[in-house]
């Protein structure tokens, strides 16, 4: 609303960390997941409310990685094309 847009569909949120995505989508509490940061619980609430659609995306398909990590020329070209840059 602050940006002047009304959002009626869930916002897609892509993540490449399988453990995190699985934990958010399947809220099973185990001994190792006892001390999860509050931000993960918040994301879980947003998914349950239908505000966010959490999607598991493999690292090699994450287009934003082309802007934040070093890559070989071929892989960087794929990121540039995927982002619609020239």
PDB file of N, CA and C in Angstrom:
ATOM      1  N   UNK A   1       0.818  -1.189   0.000  1.00  0.00           N
ATOM      2  CA  UNK A   1       0.000   0.000   0.000  1.00  0.00           C
ATOM      3  C   UNK A   1       0.864   1.257   0.000  1.00  0.00           C
ATOM      4  N   UNK A   2       2.027   1.196   0.655  1.00  0.00           N
ATOM      5  CA  UNK A   2       2.909   2.359   0.711  1.00  0.00           C
ATOM      6  C   UNK A   2       3.405   2.745  -0.679  1.00  0.00           C
ATOM      7  N   UNK A   3       3.530   1.790  -1.571  1.00  0.00           N
ATOM      8  CA  UNK A   3       4.023   2.056  -2.917  1.00  0.00           C
ATOM      9  C   UNK A   3       2.905   2.419  -3.888  1.00  0.00           C
ATOM     10  N   UNK A   4       1.675   2.351  -3.419  1.00  0.00           N
ATOM     11  CA  UNK A   4       0.558   2.710  -4.265  1.00  0.00           C
ATOM     12  C   UNK A   4       0.015   1.568  -5.091  1.00  0.00           C
ATOM     13  N   UNK A   5       0.335   0.333  -4.710  1.00  0.00           N
ATOM     14  CA  UNK A   5      -0.145  -0.846  -5.429  1.00  0.00           C
ATOM     15  C   UNK A   5      -0.973  -1.713  -4.493  1.00  0.00           C
ATOM     16  N   UNK A   6      -2.026  -2.274  -5.033  1.00  0.00           N
ATOM     17  CA  UNK A   6      -2.815  -3.226  -4.272  1.00  0.00           C
ATOM     18  C   UNK A   6      -2.423  -4.621  -4.727  1.00  0.00           C
ATOM     19  N   UNK A   7      -2.057  -5.458  -3.790  1.00  0.00           N
ATOM     20  CA  UNK A   7      -1.627  -6.811  -4.105  1.00  0.00           C
ATOM     21  C   UNK A   7      -2.720  -7.775  -3.666  1.00  0.00           C
ATOM     22  N   UNK A   8      -3.277  -8.509  -4.629  1.00  0.00           N
ATOM     23  CA  UNK A   8      -4.349  -9.440  -4.304  1.00  0.00           C
ATOM     24  C   UNK A   8      -3.871 -10.894  -4.315  1.00  0.00           C
ATOM     25  N   UNK A   9      -2.793 -11.177  -5.023  1.00  0.00           N
ATOM     26  CA  UNK A   9      -2.245 -12.530  -5.090  1.00  0.00           C
ATOM     27  C   UNK A   9      -1.031 -12.636  -4.176  1.00  0.00           C
ATOM     28  N   UNK A  10      -0.704 -13.862  -3.728  1.00  0.00           N
ATOM     29  CA  UNK A  10       0.499 -14.019  -2.908  1.00  0.00           C
ATOM     30  C   UNK A  10       1.754 -13.590  -3.681  1.00  0.00           C
ATOM     31  N   UNK A  11       2.685 -12.979  -2.995  1.00  0.00           N
ATOM     32  CA  UNK A  11       3.945 -12.541  -3.589  1.00  0.00           C
ATOM     33  C   UNK A  11       4.889 -13.742  -3.639  1.00  0.00           C
ATOM     34  N   UNK A  12       5.410 -14.095  -4.819  1.00  0.00           N
ATOM     35  CA  UNK A  12       6.335 -15.231  -4.888  1.00  0.00           C
ATOM     36  C   UNK A  12       7.680 -14.867  -4.271  1.00  0.00           C
ATOM     37  N   UNK A  13       8.158 -15.719  -3.375  1.00  0.00           N
ATOM     38  CA  UNK A  13       9.445 -15.530  -2.721  1.00  0.00           C
ATOM     39  C   UNK A  13      10.275 -16.771  -3.012  1.00  0.00           C
ATOM     40  N   UNK A  14      11.350 -16.607  -3.774  1.00  0.00           N
ATOM     41  CA  UNK A  14      12.193 -17.724  -4.181  1.00  0.00           C
ATOM     42  C   UNK A  14      13.339 -17.896  -3.196  1.00  0.00           C
ATOM     43  N   UNK A  15      13.592 -19.126  -2.804  1.00  0.00           N
ATOM     44  CA  UNK A  15      14.700 -19.432  -1.905  1.00  0.00           C
ATOM     45  C   UNK A  15      15.439 -20.655  -2.387  1.00  0.00           C
ATOM     46  N   UNK A  16      16.773 -20.655  -2.220  1.00  0.00           N
ATOM     47  CA  UNK A  16      17.559 -21.803  -2.672  1.00  0.00           C
ATOM     48  C   UNK A  16      18.031 -22.682  -1.517  1.00  0.00           C
ATOM     49  N   UNK A  17      17.639 -22.344  -0.297  1.00  0.00           N
ATOM     50  CA  UNK A  17      18.022 -23.148   0.855  1.00  0.00           C
ATOM     51  C   UNK A  17      16.908 -24.156   1.133  1.00  0.00           C
ATOM     52  N   UNK A  18      17.139 -25.417   0.752  1.00  0.00           N
ATOM     53  CA  UNK A  18      16.110 -26.449   0.867  1.00  0.00           C
ATOM     54  C   UNK A  18      15.633 -26.621   2.310  1.00  0.00           C
ATOM     55  N   UNK A  19      16.544 -26.598   3.248  1.00  0.00           N
ATOM     56  CA  UNK A  19      16.180 -26.771   4.650  1.00  0.00           C
ATOM     57  C   UNK A  19      15.252 -25.681   5.149  1.00  0.00           C
ATOM     58  N   UNK A  20      15.538 -24.455   4.771  1.00  0.00           N
ATOM     59  CA  UNK A  20      14.706 -23.334   5.192  1.00  0.00           C
ATOM     60  C   UNK A  20      13.325 -23.421   4.581  1.00  0.00           C
ATOM     61  N   UNK A  21      13.266 -23.678   3.278  1.00  0.00           N
ATOM     62  CA  UNK A  21      11.966 -23.773   2.594  1.00  0.00           C
ATOM     63  C   UNK A  21      11.154 -24.913   3.191  1.00  0.00           C
ATOM     64  N   UNK A  22      11.775 -26.069   3.417  1.00  0.00           N
ATOM     65  CA  UNK A  22      11.065 -27.213   3.998  1.00  0.00           C
ATOM     66  C   UNK A  22      10.557 -26.902   5.399  1.00  0.00           C
ATOM     67  N   UNK A  23      11.363 -26.199   6.190  1.00  0.00           N
ATOM     68  CA  UNK A  23      10.975 -25.871   7.556  1.00  0.00           C
ATOM     69  C   UNK A  23       9.805 -24.897   7.593  1.00  0.00           C
ATOM     70  N   UNK A  24       9.787 -23.948   6.666  1.00  0.00           N
ATOM     71  CA  UNK A  24       8.680 -22.991   6.619  1.00  0.00           C
ATOM     72  C   UNK A  24       7.399 -23.676   6.152  1.00  0.00           C
ATOM     73  N   UNK A  25       7.499 -24.536   5.134  1.00  0.00           N
ATOM     74  CA  UNK A  25       6.318 -25.181   4.585  1.00  0.00           C
ATOM     75  C   UNK A  25       5.813 -26.342   5.432  1.00  0.00           C
ATOM     76  N   UNK A  26       6.680 -26.951   6.240  1.00  0.00           N
ATOM     77  CA  UNK A  26       6.297 -28.067   7.095  1.00  0.00           C
ATOM     78  C   UNK A  26       6.729 -27.736   8.523  1.00  0.00           C
ATOM     79  N   UNK A  27       5.869 -27.089   9.292  1.00  0.00           N
ATOM     80  CA  UNK A  27       6.252 -26.597  10.620  1.00  0.00           C
ATOM     81  C   UNK A  27       6.379 -27.688  11.679  1.00  0.00           C
ATOM     82  N   UNK A  28       7.318 -28.586  11.486  1.00  0.00           N
ATOM     83  CA  UNK A  28       7.581 -29.634  12.472  1.00  0.00           C
ATOM     84  C   UNK A  28       8.716 -29.154  13.369  1.00  0.00           C
ATOM     85  N   UNK A  29       8.514 -29.220  14.662  1.00  0.00           N
ATOM     86  CA  UNK A  29       9.541 -28.769  15.598  1.00  0.00           C
ATOM     87  C   UNK A  29      10.381 -29.960  16.028  1.00  0.00           C
ATOM     88  N   UNK A  30      11.663 -29.813  15.843  1.00  0.00           N
ATOM     89  CA  UNK A  30      12.615 -30.833  16.267  1.00  0.00           C
ATOM     90  C   UNK A  30      13.631 -30.185  17.199  1.00  0.00           C
ATOM     91  N   UNK A  31      14.472 -31.010  17.770  1.00  0.00           N
ATOM     92  CA  UNK A  31      15.469 -30.503  18.710  1.00  0.00           C
ATOM     93  C   UNK A  31      16.374 -29.468  18.044  1.00  0.00           C
ATOM     94  N   UNK A  32      16.782 -29.709  16.795  1.00  0.00           N
ATOM     95  CA  UNK A  32      17.695 -28.793  16.111  1.00  0.00           C
ATOM     96  C   UNK A  32      17.000 -27.524  15.648  1.00  0.00           C
ATOM     97  N   UNK A  33      15.667 -27.544  15.539  1.00  0.00           N
ATOM     98  CA  UNK A  33      14.944 -26.365  15.079  1.00  0.00           C
ATOM     99  C   UNK A  33      14.341 -25.578  16.233  1.00  0.00           C
ATOM    100  N   UNK A  34      14.791 -25.851  17.438  1.00  0.00           N
ATOM    101  CA  UNK A  34      14.240 -25.208  18.628  1.00  0.00           C
ATOM    102  C   UNK A  34      14.531 -23.716  18.664  1.00  0.00           C
ATOM    103  N   UNK A  35      15.705 -23.312  18.221  1.00  0.00           N
ATOM    104  CA  UNK A  35      16.131 -21.912  18.334  1.00  0.00           C
ATOM    105  C   UNK A  35      16.118 -21.212  16.981  1.00  0.00           C
ATOM    106  N   UNK A  36      15.006 -21.295  16.302  1.00  0.00           N
ATOM    107  CA  UNK A  36      14.872 -20.662  14.994  1.00  0.00           C
ATOM    108  C   UNK A  36      14.631 -19.175  15.189  1.00  0.00           C
ATOM    109  N   UNK A  37      15.315 -18.323  14.413  1.00  0.00           N
ATOM    110  CA  UNK A  37      15.086 -16.877  14.536  1.00  0.00           C
ATOM    111  C   UNK A  37      13.634 -16.492  14.253  1.00  0.00           C
ATOM    112  N   UNK A  38      13.199 -15.425  14.845  1.00  0.00           N
ATOM    113  CA  UNK A  38      11.823 -14.950  14.713  1.00  0.00           C
ATOM    114  C   UNK A  38      11.458 -14.705  13.254  1.00  0.00           C
ATOM    115  N   UNK A  39      12.416 -14.270  12.418  1.00  0.00           N
ATOM    116  CA  UNK A  39      12.095 -13.965  11.024  1.00  0.00           C
ATOM    117  C   UNK A  39      11.533 -15.182  10.295  1.00  0.00           C
ATOM    118  N   UNK A  40      11.969 -16.403  10.654  1.00  0.00           N
ATOM    119  CA  UNK A  40      11.440 -17.600  10.005  1.00  0.00           C
ATOM    120  C   UNK A  40       9.990 -17.850  10.421  1.00  0.00           C
ATOM    121  N   UNK A  41       9.669 -17.564  11.677  1.00  0.00           N
ATOM    122  CA  UNK A  41       8.287 -17.710  12.133  1.00  0.00           C
ATOM    123  C   UNK A  41       7.396 -16.686  11.439  1.00  0.00           C
ATOM    124  N   UNK A  42       7.908 -15.495  11.212  1.00  0.00           N
ATOM    125  CA  UNK A  42       7.151 -14.452  10.524  1.00  0.00           C
ATOM    126  C   UNK A  42       6.845 -14.881   9.096  1.00  0.00           C
ATOM    127  N   UNK A  43       7.833 -15.417   8.399  1.00  0.00           N
ATOM    128  CA  UNK A  43       7.628 -15.879   7.023  1.00  0.00           C
ATOM    129  C   UNK A  43       6.604 -17.014   7.011  1.00  0.00           C
ATOM    130  N   UNK A  44       6.688 -17.901   7.991  1.00  0.00           N
ATOM    131  CA  UNK A  44       5.716 -18.998   8.084  1.00  0.00           C
ATOM    132  C   UNK A  44       4.295 -18.440   8.225  1.00  0.00           C
ATOM    133  N   UNK A  45       4.122 -17.409   9.043  1.00  0.00           N
ATOM    134  CA  UNK A  45       2.814 -16.780   9.211  1.00  0.00           C
ATOM    135  C   UNK A  45       2.332 -16.159   7.901  1.00  0.00           C
ATOM    136  N   UNK A  46       3.228 -15.507   7.171  1.00  0.00           N
ATOM    137  CA  UNK A  46       2.852 -14.904   5.891  1.00  0.00           C
ATOM    138  C   UNK A  46       2.418 -15.962   4.887  1.00  0.00           C
ATOM    139  N   UNK A  47       3.090 -17.124   4.888  1.00  0.00           N
ATOM    140  CA  UNK A  47       2.713 -18.223   3.987  1.00  0.00           C
ATOM    141  C   UNK A  47       1.329 -18.744   4.378  1.00  0.00           C
ATOM    142  N   UNK A  48       1.095 -18.932   5.682  1.00  0.00           N
ATOM    143  CA  UNK A  48      -0.204 -19.434   6.154  1.00  0.00           C
ATOM    144  C   UNK A  48      -1.335 -18.464   5.826  1.00  0.00           C
ATOM    145  N   UNK A  49      -1.058 -17.156   5.872  1.00  0.00           N
ATOM    146  CA  UNK A  49      -2.071 -16.146   5.576  1.00  0.00           C
ATOM    147  C   UNK A  49      -2.275 -15.940   4.079  1.00  0.00           C
ATOM    148  N   UNK A  50      -1.426 -16.564   3.266  1.00  0.00           N
ATOM    149  CA  UNK A  50      -1.554 -16.439   1.818  1.00  0.00           C
ATOM    150  C   UNK A  50      -0.966 -15.146   1.276  1.00  0.00           C
ATOM    151  N   UNK A  51      -0.089 -14.486   2.049  1.00  0.00           N
ATOM    152  CA  UNK A  51       0.543 -13.250   1.593  1.00  0.00           C
ATOM    153  C   UNK A  51       1.792 -13.532   0.766  1.00  0.00           C
ATOM    154  N   UNK A  52       2.459 -14.650   1.074  1.00  0.00           N
ATOM    155  CA  UNK A  52       3.697 -15.039   0.389  1.00  0.00           C
ATOM    156  C   UNK A  52       3.546 -16.460  -0.120  1.00  0.00           C
ATOM    157  N   UNK A  53       4.068 -16.707  -1.309  1.00  0.00           N
ATOM    158  CA  UNK A  53       4.142 -18.048  -1.871  1.00  0.00           C
ATOM    159  C   UNK A  53       5.618 -18.416  -1.928  1.00  0.00           C
ATOM    160  N   UNK A  54       6.071 -19.266  -1.008  1.00  0.00           N
ATOM    161  CA  UNK A  54       7.478 -19.636  -0.920  1.00  0.00           C
ATOM    162  C   UNK A  54       7.778 -20.728  -1.929  1.00  0.00           C
ATOM    163  N   UNK A  55       8.771 -20.486  -2.785  1.00  0.00           N
ATOM    164  CA  UNK A  55       9.107 -21.394  -3.880  1.00  0.00           C
ATOM    165  C   UNK A  55      10.565 -21.804  -3.769  1.00  0.00           C
ATOM    166  N   UNK A  56      10.819 -23.100  -3.808  1.00  0.00           N
ATOM    167  CA  UNK A  56      12.194 -23.614  -3.796  1.00  0.00           C
ATOM    168  C   UNK A  56      12.747 -23.493  -5.206  1.00  0.00           C
ATOM    169  N   UNK A  57      13.810 -22.717  -5.354  1.00  0.00           N
ATOM    170  CA  UNK A  57      14.453 -22.497  -6.650  1.00  0.00           C
ATOM    171  C   UNK A  57      15.926 -22.891  -6.521  1.00  0.00           C
ATOM    172  N   UNK A  58      16.406 -23.812  -7.357  1.00  0.00           N
ATOM    173  CA  UNK A  58      17.816 -24.212  -7.284  1.00  0.00           C
ATOM    174  C   UNK A  58      18.751 -23.014  -7.488  1.00  0.00           C
ATOM    175  N   UNK A  59      19.914 -23.074  -6.878  1.00  0.00           N
ATOM    176  CA  UNK A  59      20.877 -21.981  -6.931  1.00  0.00           C
ATOM    177  C   UNK A  59      21.207 -21.568  -8.360  1.00  0.00           C
ATOM    178  N   UNK A  60      21.363 -22.536  -9.266  1.00  0.00           N
ATOM    179  CA  UNK A  60      21.757 -22.193 -10.643  1.00  0.00           C
ATOM    180  C   UNK A  60      20.637 -21.493 -11.412  1.00  0.00           C
ATOM    181  N   UNK A  61      19.424 -21.416 -10.843  1.00  0.00           N
ATOM    182  CA  UNK A  61      18.323 -20.709 -11.490  1.00  0.00           C
ATOM    183  C   UNK A  61      18.006 -19.367 -10.823  1.00  0.00           C
ATOM    184  N   UNK A  62      18.734 -19.030  -9.773  1.00  0.00           N
ATOM    185  CA  UNK A  62      18.495 -17.770  -9.063  1.00  0.00           C
ATOM    186  C   UNK A  62      19.123 -16.622  -9.859  1.00  0.00           C
ATOM    187  N   UNK A  63      18.293 -15.844 -10.531  1.00  0.00           N
ATOM    188  CA  UNK A  63      18.790 -14.781 -11.406  1.00  0.00           C
ATOM    189  C   UNK A  63      19.539 -13.693 -10.641  1.00  0.00           C
ATOM    190  N   UNK A  64      19.140 -13.414  -9.418  1.00  0.00           N
ATOM    191  CA  UNK A  64      19.802 -12.362  -8.645  1.00  0.00           C
ATOM    192  C   UNK A  64      21.253 -12.720  -8.319  1.00  0.00           C
ATOM    193  N   UNK A  65      21.594 -14.007  -8.315  1.00  0.00           N
ATOM    194  CA  UNK A  65      22.966 -14.420  -8.031  1.00  0.00           C
ATOM    195  C   UNK A  65      23.946 -13.865  -9.058  1.00  0.00           C
ATOM    196  N   UNK A  66      23.473 -13.597 -10.259  1.00  0.00           N
ATOM    197  CA  UNK A  66      24.350 -13.024 -11.285  1.00  0.00           C
ATOM    198  C   UNK A  66      24.838 -11.635 -10.903  1.00  0.00           C
ATOM    199  N   UNK A  67      24.132 -10.979  -9.994  1.00  0.00           N
ATOM    200  CA  UNK A  67      24.530  -9.641  -9.549  1.00  0.00           C
ATOM    201  C   UNK A  67      25.326  -9.658  -8.258  1.00  0.00           C
ATOM    202  N   UNK A  68      25.343 -10.794  -7.563  1.00  0.00           N
ATOM    203  CA  UNK A  68      25.971 -10.820  -6.243  1.00  0.00           C
ATOM    204  C   UNK A  68      27.136 -11.785  -6.101  1.00  0.00           C
ATOM    205  N   UNK A  69      27.330 -12.681  -7.088  1.00  0.00           N
ATOM    206  CA  UNK A  69      28.387 -13.690  -6.985  1.00  0.00           C
ATOM    207  C   UNK A  69      29.179 -13.770  -8.276  1.00  0.00           C
ATOM    208  N   UNK A  70      30.453 -14.165  -8.187  1.00  0.00           N
ATOM    209  CA  UNK A  70      31.228 -14.337  -9.418  1.00  0.00           C
ATOM    210  C   UNK A  70      30.811 -15.618 -10.143  1.00  0.00           C
ATOM    211  N   UNK A  71      30.725 -15.543 -11.470  1.00  0.00           N
ATOM    212  CA  UNK A  71      30.323 -16.691 -12.279  1.00  0.00           C
ATOM    213  C   UNK A  71      31.170 -16.777 -13.539  1.00  0.00           C
ATOM    214  N   UNK A  72      31.193 -17.980 -14.130  1.00  0.00           N
ATOM    215  CA  UNK A  72      31.846 -18.164 -15.419  1.00  0.00           C
ATOM    216  C   UNK A  72      31.054 -17.399 -16.478  1.00  0.00           C
ATOM    217  N   UNK A  73      31.687 -17.084 -17.590  1.00  0.00           N
ATOM    218  CA  UNK A  73      31.077 -16.258 -18.633  1.00  0.00           C
ATOM    219  C   UNK A  73      29.741 -16.825 -19.130  1.00  0.00           C
ATOM    220  N   UNK A  74      29.672 -18.134 -19.364  1.00  0.00           N
ATOM    221  CA  UNK A  74      28.445 -18.750 -19.883  1.00  0.00           C
ATOM    222  C   UNK A  74      27.311 -18.594 -18.876  1.00  0.00           C
ATOM    223  N   UNK A  75      27.579 -18.866 -17.615  1.00  0.00           N
ATOM    224  CA  UNK A  75      26.547 -18.752 -16.593  1.00  0.00           C
ATOM    225  C   UNK A  75      26.124 -17.295 -16.406  1.00  0.00           C
ATOM    226  N   UNK A  76      27.075 -16.385 -16.447  1.00  0.00           N
ATOM    227  CA  UNK A  76      26.755 -14.961 -16.326  1.00  0.00           C
ATOM    228  C   UNK A  76      25.886 -14.505 -17.498  1.00  0.00           C
ATOM    229  N   UNK A  77      26.165 -15.012 -18.689  1.00  0.00           N
ATOM    230  CA  UNK A  77      25.342 -14.679 -19.856  1.00  0.00           C
ATOM    231  C   UNK A  77      23.900 -15.140 -19.667  1.00  0.00           C
ATOM    232  N   UNK A  78      23.715 -16.304 -19.059  1.00  0.00           N
ATOM    233  CA  UNK A  78      22.366 -16.804 -18.773  1.00  0.00           C
ATOM    234  C   UNK A  78      21.632 -15.888 -17.800  1.00  0.00           C
ATOM    235  N   UNK A  79      22.343 -15.405 -16.786  1.00  0.00           N
ATOM    236  CA  UNK A  79      21.724 -14.491 -15.823  1.00  0.00           C
ATOM    237  C   UNK A  79      21.336 -13.177 -16.495  1.00  0.00           C
ATOM    238  N   UNK A  80      22.235 -12.647 -17.330  1.00  0.00           N
ATOM    239  CA  UNK A  80      21.958 -11.379 -18.023  1.00  0.00           C
ATOM    240  C   UNK A  80      20.733 -11.529 -18.911  1.00  0.00           C
ATOM    241  N   UNK A  81      20.655 -12.624 -19.664  1.00  0.00           N
ATOM    242  CA  UNK A  81      19.507 -12.865 -20.532  1.00  0.00           C
ATOM    243  C   UNK A  81      18.235 -13.024 -19.710  1.00  0.00           C
ATOM    244  N   UNK A  82      18.314 -13.784 -18.620  1.00  0.00           N
ATOM    245  CA  UNK A  82      17.159 -14.022 -17.775  1.00  0.00           C
ATOM    246  C   UNK A  82      16.606 -12.756 -17.140  1.00  0.00           C
ATOM    247  N   UNK A  83      17.490 -11.795 -16.862  1.00  0.00           N
ATOM    248  CA  UNK A  83      17.061 -10.529 -16.272  1.00  0.00           C
ATOM    249  C   UNK A  83      16.621  -9.529 -17.328  1.00  0.00           C
ATOM    250  N   UNK A  84      16.795  -9.878 -18.605  1.00  0.00           N
ATOM    251  CA  UNK A  84      16.394  -8.975 -19.681  1.00  0.00           C
ATOM    252  C   UNK A  84      17.360  -7.821 -19.890  1.00  0.00           C
ATOM    253  N   UNK A  85      18.620  -8.030 -19.504  1.00  0.00           N
ATOM    254  CA  UNK A  85      19.651  -6.998 -19.673  1.00  0.00           C
ATOM    255  C   UNK A  85      20.425  -7.244 -20.957  1.00  0.00           C
ATOM    256  N   UNK A  86      21.135  -6.225 -21.417  1.00  0.00           N
ATOM    257  CA  UNK A  86      21.984  -6.382 -22.597  1.00  0.00           C
ATOM    258  C   UNK A  86      23.399  -5.947 -22.291  1.00  0.00           C
TER     259      UNK A  86
END
